[in-house]
Each structure stands twice: as structure tokens, then as C-alpha cells.
Amino acid sequence: MTKFGKITALASILLIAGLLVAAGGDPLAAAAKSNVSRTLQNLQSAYDSESNAHNRYVVFAQKAGEEGYGEVASLFRALARSEEIHMRNHAAAIRKMGAEPEATIVKFLAQSTQKNLESSAYKFERYESDRIYPRFIIQARAEGNGDAVRTFEYARAVAGQHFKLLTEALKKLENMHGNSRAYYVCTTCGATSEQPVQEMCPICRSPADAYEKVN
């Protein structure tokens, strides 16, 4: 064996030994612990992202109101409430894993309402729906963490709803001046609708009375 090969083998042995010590000598438990920590990291990342999204939408709602886009301000307030529900769900899954949720809130400077709609739709909601949450769901399923899978699936599906609402608002922005309007948010999963839900939430199947009116 070459000198490099001996060093590589020694490094592998030390890594395995470290995992065995961490898991009480059980290699399967060591692997499980490593996997669980990855899901916990994903939950913390999602909690941080949703916390900042909530803060961002509050700021954007204020800006839309200042510019006279009352209906857009209502939409942003509904999205802020939805992200607050995702924060709560992620936090519950984090605490069930024995940790506390953590977030670093970034200060957002609002641009024009049009640019705020564009960035929200294409930079954040679509990216979460298409890229971030699907990857988190795959990892959580591989680890058998049903709580993480559920909260990630709720957030992924709702991000798709948000993207649609935001892009529709962009198309009819000049007709969204004036007074505020009502939106409806499911308090279980954060699903967001322009109309009252008559039977049950299409995402989490909660009864219609789980929705609250936001305007």
C-alpha cells in the first residue's frame, strides 16, 4: 500500500470510529444520527427562510399600501400570515427532534410594488416550490421523519399557490389600486385562496372552518 493509501485508510478508520462513538458503537445508529442531523438542518433552514419571508411580506404590504395598491397590500398580508403558519409547523417538527428553531432576520428594503411582486414570485416562491422543498422532502422520507415530510409538503404546495397568486397580480397590477380585499388562509397548512373555501382545504384536507379571513 502506498503512503497516500495508508493515510486515506487511516482517515476512513478514524471517521468510522468517530461515528461509532457518537452512536454508542452501533454503525446503523451512527448512520441514522447523521441522517437525522441533515433533516434537522433542513428544517432549520426552512424555518429561517419562512421567518424572513413573513418579515419580507409585511414590508412589501406596507409599500403596496403607500403606492395605492390596496389589493396587492392585502395579498402580501395574506402571504405573510401563510408564512407565519409554515414557521409554526417547522418549529413544531424541530422541537420534536429535541432542538429549538433558529432564524436570522435580514432587513428588507422594499422596491416598487411591481418589483416586489416579481422577486417574490420568481426569486422566492417558485424556487422554494420547484427546488428547495422537493429536495428536503426526499431527504426526510429517506430518514422516515413523517413530521418533517408533512410540514415540507405543506410548504411546497402552498409556495406553488403563492407563485400563481403573485404572477396573476403582476398581470393585472394596474387594476389593483384602491381598497383592500379579502384573502383566505388555512391555519393548518397555510393554503391561500382568493375565495372562501366551501368544503375542505385542497392541500391538507382540513375543514373549511380552518380558514381565516385576511384583508
C-alpha atoms as a PDB file:
ATOM      1  CA  MET A   1       0.000   0.000   0.000  1.00  0.00           C
ATOM      2  CA  THR A   2       1.320   3.452  -0.869  1.00  0.00           C
ATOM      3  CA  LYS A   3       1.841   6.126   1.744  1.00  0.00           C
ATOM      4  CA  PHE A   4      -1.191   8.027   0.376  1.00  0.00           C
ATOM      5  CA  GLY A   5      -3.301   4.883   0.569  1.00  0.00           C
ATOM      6  CA  LYS A   6      -2.318   4.301   4.189  1.00  0.00           C
ATOM      7  CA  ILE A   7      -3.261   7.875   5.087  1.00  0.00           C
ATOM      8  CA  THR A   8      -6.609   7.552   3.313  1.00  0.00           C
ATOM      9  CA  ALA A   9      -7.361   4.252   5.057  1.00  0.00           C
ATOM     10  CA  LEU A  10      -6.426   5.726   8.436  1.00  0.00           C
ATOM     11  CA  ALA A  11      -8.711   8.707   7.837  1.00  0.00           C
ATOM     12  CA  SER A  12     -11.589   6.364   6.986  1.00  0.00           C
ATOM     13  CA  ILE A  13     -10.996   4.325  10.126  1.00  0.00           C
ATOM     14  CA  LEU A  14     -10.960   7.450  12.283  1.00  0.00           C
ATOM     15  CA  LEU A  15     -14.190   8.708  10.676  1.00  0.00           C
ATOM     16  CA  ILE A  16     -15.966   5.391  11.287  1.00  0.00           C
ATOM     17  CA  ALA A  17     -14.652   5.272  14.844  1.00  0.00           C
ATOM     18  CA  GLY A  18     -15.974   8.744  15.488  1.00  0.00           C
ATOM     19  CA  LEU A  19     -19.435   7.774  14.224  1.00  0.00           C
ATOM     20  CA  LEU A  20     -19.414   4.620  16.331  1.00  0.00           C
ATOM     21  CA  VAL A  21     -18.545   6.566  19.471  1.00  0.00           C
ATOM     22  CA  ALA A  22     -21.324   9.068  18.730  1.00  0.00           C
ATOM     23  CA  ALA A  23     -23.831   6.260  18.330  1.00  0.00           C
ATOM     24  CA  GLY A  24     -22.666   4.043  21.176  1.00  0.00           C
ATOM     25  CA  GLY A  25     -20.850   1.576  18.899  1.00  0.00           C
ATOM     26  CA  ASP A  26     -23.816   0.848  16.598  1.00  0.00           C
ATOM     27  CA  PRO A  27     -22.953   1.633  12.939  1.00  0.00           C
ATOM     28  CA  LEU A  28     -26.618   1.719  11.911  1.00  0.00           C
ATOM     29  CA  ALA A  29     -27.412   4.160  14.684  1.00  0.00           C
ATOM     30  CA  ALA A  30     -24.415   6.231  13.620  1.00  0.00           C
ATOM     31  CA  ALA A  31     -25.736   6.491  10.084  1.00  0.00           C
ATOM     32  CA  ALA A  32     -29.226   7.291  11.375  1.00  0.00           C
ATOM     33  CA  LYS A  33     -27.872  10.040  13.601  1.00  0.00           C
ATOM     34  CA  SER A  34     -26.011  11.566  10.666  1.00  0.00           C
ATOM     35  CA  ASN A  35     -29.179  11.482   8.548  1.00  0.00           C
ATOM     36  CA  VAL A  36     -31.375  12.952  11.270  1.00  0.00           C
ATOM     37  CA  SER A  37     -28.990  15.873  11.657  1.00  0.00           C
ATOM     38  CA  ARG A  38     -29.371  16.589   7.949  1.00  0.00           C
ATOM     39  CA  THR A  39     -33.152  16.769   8.246  1.00  0.00           C
ATOM     40  CA  LEU A  40     -32.816  18.978  11.294  1.00  0.00           C
ATOM     41  CA  GLN A  41     -30.537  21.279   9.304  1.00  0.00           C
ATOM     42  CA  ASN A  42     -33.136  21.373   6.521  1.00  0.00           C
ATOM     43  CA  LEU A  43     -35.881  22.205   8.994  1.00  0.00           C
ATOM     44  CA  GLN A  44     -33.795  24.988  10.496  1.00  0.00           C
ATOM     45  CA  SER A  45     -33.049  26.339   7.016  1.00  0.00           C
ATOM     46  CA  ALA A  46     -36.748  26.240   6.122  1.00  0.00           C
ATOM     47  CA  TYR A  47     -37.697  27.923   9.404  1.00  0.00           C
ATOM     48  CA  ASP A  48     -35.182  30.693   8.736  1.00  0.00           C
ATOM     49  CA  SER A  49     -36.465  31.125   5.172  1.00  0.00           C
ATOM     50  CA  GLU A  50     -40.124  31.287   6.206  1.00  0.00           C
ATOM     51  CA  SER A  51     -39.322  33.702   9.040  1.00  0.00           C
ATOM     52  CA  ASN A  52     -37.660  36.061   6.585  1.00  0.00           C
ATOM     53  CA  ALA A  53     -40.493  35.573   4.084  1.00  0.00           C
ATOM     54  CA  HIS A  54     -43.007  36.617   6.742  1.00  0.00           C
ATOM     55  CA  ASN A  55     -40.968  39.728   7.517  1.00  0.00           C
ATOM     56  CA  ARG A  56     -40.477  40.497   3.821  1.00  0.00           C
ATOM     57  CA  TYR A  57     -44.191  40.300   3.019  1.00  0.00           C
ATOM     58  CA  VAL A  58     -45.069  42.599   5.904  1.00  0.00           C
ATOM     59  CA  VAL A  59     -42.663  45.179   4.473  1.00  0.00           C
ATOM     60  CA  PHE A  60     -43.976  44.667   0.934  1.00  0.00           C
ATOM     61  CA  ALA A  61     -47.586  45.051   2.105  1.00  0.00           C
ATOM     62  CA  GLN A  62     -46.738  48.414   3.647  1.00  0.00           C
ATOM     63  CA  LYS A  63     -45.048  49.552   0.433  1.00  0.00           C
ATOM     64  CA  ALA A  64     -48.003  48.458  -1.711  1.00  0.00           C
ATOM     65  CA  GLY A  65     -50.344  50.422   0.544  1.00  0.00           C
ATOM     66  CA  GLU A  66     -48.152  53.515   0.254  1.00  0.00           C
ATOM     67  CA  GLU A  67     -48.275  53.240  -3.554  1.00  0.00           C
ATOM     68  CA  GLY A  68     -52.052  52.889  -3.540  1.00  0.00           C
ATOM     69  CA  TYR A  69     -52.206  49.197  -4.443  1.00  0.00           C
ATOM     70  CA  GLY A  70     -54.714  48.213  -1.779  1.00  0.00           C
ATOM     71  CA  GLU A  71     -55.457  44.773  -3.213  1.00  0.00           C
ATOM     72  CA  VAL A  72     -51.774  43.945  -3.532  1.00  0.00           C
ATOM     73  CA  ALA A  73     -51.220  45.030   0.060  1.00  0.00           C
ATOM     74  CA  SER A  74     -53.957  42.573   1.060  1.00  0.00           C
ATOM     75  CA  LEU A  75     -52.259  39.803  -0.912  1.00  0.00           C
ATOM     76  CA  PHE A  76     -48.925  40.420   0.763  1.00  0.00           C
ATOM     77  CA  ARG A  77     -50.584  40.411   4.195  1.00  0.00           C
ATOM     78  CA  ALA A  78     -52.216  37.068   3.385  1.00  0.00           C
ATOM     79  CA  LEU A  79     -48.873  35.657   2.269  1.00  0.00           C
ATOM     80  CA  ALA A  80     -47.255  36.925   5.478  1.00  0.00           C
ATOM     81  CA  ARG A  81     -49.893  35.083   7.515  1.00  0.00           C
ATOM     82  CA  SER A  82     -49.343  31.937   5.469  1.00  0.00           C
ATOM     83  CA  GLU A  83     -45.584  32.022   6.054  1.00  0.00           C
ATOM     84  CA  GLU A  84     -46.240  32.503   9.764  1.00  0.00           C
ATOM     85  CA  ILE A  85     -48.137  29.197   9.744  1.00  0.00           C
ATOM     86  CA  HIS A  86     -45.233  27.486   7.963  1.00  0.00           C
ATOM     87  CA  MET A  87     -42.912  28.861  10.638  1.00  0.00           C
ATOM     88  CA  ARG A  88     -45.117  27.338  13.331  1.00  0.00           C
ATOM     89  CA  ASN A  89     -45.242  23.945  11.601  1.00  0.00           C
ATOM     90  CA  HIS A  90     -41.491  23.837  11.009  1.00  0.00           C
ATOM     91  CA  ALA A  91     -40.847  24.885  14.609  1.00  0.00           C
ATOM     92  CA  ALA A  92     -43.024  22.059  15.921  1.00  0.00           C
ATOM     93  CA  ALA A  93     -41.071  19.500  13.869  1.00  0.00           C
ATOM     94  CA  ILE A  94     -37.769  20.971  15.067  1.00  0.00           C
ATOM     95  CA  ARG A  95     -38.823  20.806  18.719  1.00  0.00           C
ATOM     96  CA  LYS A  96     -39.972  17.219  18.284  1.00  0.00           C
ATOM     97  CA  MET A  97     -36.385  16.438  17.284  1.00  0.00           C
ATOM     98  CA  GLY A  98     -35.129  17.978  20.525  1.00  0.00           C
ATOM     99  CA  ALA A  99     -33.898  21.317  19.181  1.00  0.00           C
ATOM    100  CA  GLU A 100     -35.108  24.903  19.171  1.00  0.00           C
ATOM    101  CA  PRO A 101     -35.935  26.812  15.959  1.00  0.00           C
ATOM    102  CA  GLU A 102     -33.421  29.460  14.953  1.00  0.00           C
ATOM    103  CA  ALA A 103     -33.632  32.296  12.443  1.00  0.00           C
ATOM    104  CA  THR A 104     -31.521  35.256  11.452  1.00  0.00           C
ATOM    105  CA  ILE A 105     -33.832  38.011  10.257  1.00  0.00           C
ATOM    106  CA  VAL A 106     -32.495  40.053   7.354  1.00  0.00           C
ATOM    107  CA  LYS A 107     -33.642  43.629   6.880  1.00  0.00           C
ATOM    108  CA  PHE A 108     -35.527  44.012   3.596  1.00  0.00           C
ATOM    109  CA  LEU A 109     -35.714  47.248   1.673  1.00  0.00           C
ATOM    110  CA  ALA A 110     -38.871  47.368  -0.421  1.00  0.00           C
ATOM    111  CA  GLN A 111     -38.594  48.389  -4.052  1.00  0.00           C
ATOM    112  CA  SER A 112     -41.574  49.258  -6.245  1.00  0.00           C
ATOM    113  CA  THR A 113     -44.650  47.073  -5.826  1.00  0.00           C
ATOM    114  CA  GLN A 114     -44.104  45.614  -9.293  1.00  0.00           C
ATOM    115  CA  LYS A 115     -40.524  44.608  -8.477  1.00  0.00           C
ATOM    116  CA  ASN A 116     -41.619  43.248  -5.107  1.00  0.00           C
ATOM    117  CA  LEU A 117     -44.168  41.032  -6.843  1.00  0.00           C
ATOM    118  CA  GLU A 118     -41.596  39.858  -9.381  1.00  0.00           C
ATOM    119  CA  SER A 119     -38.925  38.980  -6.834  1.00  0.00           C
ATOM    120  CA  SER A 120     -41.447  37.277  -4.556  1.00  0.00           C
ATOM    121  CA  ALA A 121     -42.765  35.105  -7.380  1.00  0.00           C
ATOM    122  CA  TYR A 122     -39.628  34.208  -9.294  1.00  0.00           C
ATOM    123  CA  LYS A 123     -36.804  34.542  -6.776  1.00  0.00           C
ATOM    124  CA  PHE A 124     -38.519  33.045  -3.750  1.00  0.00           C
ATOM    125  CA  GLU A 125     -41.811  31.165  -4.179  1.00  0.00           C
ATOM    126  CA  ARG A 126     -41.025  29.316  -7.411  1.00  0.00           C
ATOM    127  CA  TYR A 127     -37.549  28.442  -6.185  1.00  0.00           C
ATOM    128  CA  GLU A 128     -38.953  27.000  -2.946  1.00  0.00           C
ATOM    129  CA  SER A 129     -41.699  25.098  -4.749  1.00  0.00           C
ATOM    130  CA  ASP A 130     -39.553  23.650  -7.525  1.00  0.00           C
ATOM    131  CA  ARG A 131     -36.117  23.278  -5.981  1.00  0.00           C
ATOM    132  CA  ILE A 132     -35.814  23.598  -2.212  1.00  0.00           C
ATOM    133  CA  TYR A 133     -38.765  21.760  -0.704  1.00  0.00           C
ATOM    134  CA  PRO A 134     -38.710  18.780  -3.101  1.00  0.00           C
ATOM    135  CA  ARG A 135     -35.107  18.097  -2.047  1.00  0.00           C
ATOM    136  CA  PHE A 136     -35.989  18.463   1.641  1.00  0.00           C
ATOM    137  CA  ILE A 137     -38.942  16.078   1.221  1.00  0.00           C
ATOM    138  CA  ILE A 138     -36.772  13.388  -0.391  1.00  0.00           C
ATOM    139  CA  GLN A 139     -34.283  13.587   2.474  1.00  0.00           C
ATOM    140  CA  ALA A 140     -36.962  13.492   5.174  1.00  0.00           C
ATOM    141  CA  ARG A 141     -38.654  10.493   3.543  1.00  0.00           C
ATOM    142  CA  ALA A 142     -35.347   8.644   3.361  1.00  0.00           C
ATOM    143  CA  GLU A 143     -34.983   9.145   7.108  1.00  0.00           C
ATOM    144  CA  GLY A 144     -38.567   8.195   7.901  1.00  0.00           C
ATOM    145  CA  ASN A 145     -39.325  11.557   9.507  1.00  0.00           C
ATOM    146  CA  GLY A 146     -43.060  11.901   8.880  1.00  0.00           C
ATOM    147  CA  ASP A 147     -43.387  15.227  10.712  1.00  0.00           C
ATOM    148  CA  ALA A 148     -40.731  16.825   8.520  1.00  0.00           C
ATOM    149  CA  VAL A 149     -42.224  15.327   5.367  1.00  0.00           C
ATOM    150  CA  ARG A 150     -45.647  16.729   6.219  1.00  0.00           C
ATOM    151  CA  THR A 151     -44.532  20.279   7.025  1.00  0.00           C
ATOM    152  CA  PHE A 152     -42.284  20.359   3.950  1.00  0.00           C
ATOM    153  CA  GLU A 153     -45.085  19.078   1.705  1.00  0.00           C
ATOM    154  CA  TYR A 154     -47.487  21.701   3.015  1.00  0.00           C
ATOM    155  CA  ALA A 155     -44.958  24.472   2.408  1.00  0.00           C
ATOM    156  CA  ARG A 156     -44.075  23.190  -1.080  1.00  0.00           C
ATOM    157  CA  ALA A 157     -47.699  23.021  -2.206  1.00  0.00           C
ATOM    158  CA  VAL A 158     -48.530  26.431  -0.756  1.00  0.00           C
ATOM    159  CA  ALA A 159     -45.458  28.014  -2.373  1.00  0.00           C
ATOM    160  CA  GLY A 160     -46.953  26.897  -5.687  1.00  0.00           C
ATOM    161  CA  GLN A 161     -50.200  28.668  -4.784  1.00  0.00           C
ATOM    162  CA  HIS A 162     -48.288  31.798  -3.825  1.00  0.00           C
ATOM    163  CA  PHE A 163     -46.417  31.802  -7.129  1.00  0.00           C
ATOM    164  CA  LYS A 164     -49.704  31.656  -9.014  1.00  0.00           C
ATOM    165  CA  LEU A 165     -51.289  34.450  -6.954  1.00  0.00           C
ATOM    166  CA  LEU A 166     -48.237  36.672  -7.366  1.00  0.00           C
ATOM    167  CA  THR A 167     -47.941  36.193 -11.124  1.00  0.00           C
ATOM    168  CA  GLU A 168     -51.671  36.842 -11.555  1.00  0.00           C
ATOM    169  CA  ALA A 169     -51.293  40.052  -9.549  1.00  0.00           C
ATOM    170  CA  LEU A 170     -48.453  41.098 -11.848  1.00  0.00           C
ATOM    171  CA  LYS A 171     -50.657  40.638 -14.908  1.00  0.00           C
ATOM    172  CA  LYS A 172     -53.446  42.837 -13.548  1.00  0.00           C
ATOM    173  CA  LEU A 173     -51.396  45.178 -11.377  1.00  0.00           C
ATOM    174  CA  GLU A 174     -52.842  48.394 -12.787  1.00  0.00           C
ATOM    175  CA  ASN A 175     -56.328  47.201 -11.843  1.00  0.00           C
ATOM    176  CA  MET A 176     -55.379  46.506  -8.231  1.00  0.00           C
ATOM    177  CA  HIS A 177     -55.421  50.098  -6.972  1.00  0.00           C
ATOM    178  CA  GLY A 178     -57.817  51.281  -4.324  1.00  0.00           C
ATOM    179  CA  ASN A 179     -59.308  49.448  -1.389  1.00  0.00           C
ATOM    180  CA  SER A 180     -58.113  46.269   0.258  1.00  0.00           C
ATOM    181  CA  ARG A 181     -59.750  42.918  -0.376  1.00  0.00           C
ATOM    182  CA  ALA A 182     -60.123  39.654   1.481  1.00  0.00           C
ATOM    183  CA  TYR A 183     -57.991  36.546   1.125  1.00  0.00           C
ATOM    184  CA  TYR A 184     -58.430  33.273   2.989  1.00  0.00           C
ATOM    185  CA  VAL A 185     -55.626  31.326   4.689  1.00  0.00           C
ATOM    186  CA  CYS A 186     -55.763  27.794   6.101  1.00  0.00           C
ATOM    187  CA  THR A 187     -54.484  27.847   9.659  1.00  0.00           C
ATOM    188  CA  THR A 188     -53.319  24.232   9.363  1.00  0.00           C
ATOM    189  CA  CYS A 189     -51.100  24.358   6.267  1.00  0.00           C
ATOM    190  CA  GLY A 190     -51.070  27.987   5.116  1.00  0.00           C
ATOM    191  CA  ALA A 191     -53.009  27.383   1.891  1.00  0.00           C
ATOM    192  CA  THR A 192     -54.027  30.751   0.442  1.00  0.00           C
ATOM    193  CA  SER A 193     -57.167  31.431  -1.584  1.00  0.00           C
ATOM    194  CA  GLU A 194     -58.896  34.405  -3.190  1.00  0.00           C
ATOM    195  CA  GLN A 195     -62.308  32.888  -2.440  1.00  0.00           C
ATOM    196  CA  PRO A 196     -63.849  31.285   0.665  1.00  0.00           C
ATOM    197  CA  VAL A 197     -63.356  27.517   0.783  1.00  0.00           C
ATOM    198  CA  GLN A 198     -66.683  25.720   0.826  1.00  0.00           C
ATOM    199  CA  GLU A 199     -65.781  22.180   1.857  1.00  0.00           C
ATOM    200  CA  MET A 200     -62.177  21.384   2.802  1.00  0.00           C
ATOM    201  CA  CYS A 201     -58.647  22.585   2.236  1.00  0.00           C
ATOM    202  CA  PRO A 202     -57.315  21.175  -1.047  1.00  0.00           C
ATOM    203  CA  ILE A 203     -53.846  20.721   0.454  1.00  0.00           C
ATOM    204  CA  CYS A 204     -54.237  19.392   3.998  1.00  0.00           C
ATOM    205  CA  ARG A 205     -57.923  18.348   3.865  1.00  0.00           C
ATOM    206  CA  SER A 206     -58.802  20.402   6.928  1.00  0.00           C
ATOM    207  CA  PRO A 207     -62.459  21.520   7.153  1.00  0.00           C
ATOM    208  CA  ALA A 208     -63.439  24.889   5.708  1.00  0.00           C
ATOM    209  CA  ASP A 209     -63.652  26.470   9.159  1.00  0.00           C
ATOM    210  CA  ALA A 210     -59.873  26.059   9.466  1.00  0.00           C
ATOM    211  CA  TYR A 211     -59.557  29.046   7.131  1.00  0.00           C
ATOM    212  CA  GLU A 212     -59.295  32.581   8.435  1.00  0.00           C
ATOM    213  CA  LYS A 213     -60.086  35.781   6.572  1.00  0.00           C
ATOM    214  CA  VAL A 214     -57.198  38.185   5.982  1.00  0.00           C
ATOM    215  CA  ASN A 215     -57.615  41.667   4.472  1.00  0.00           C
END
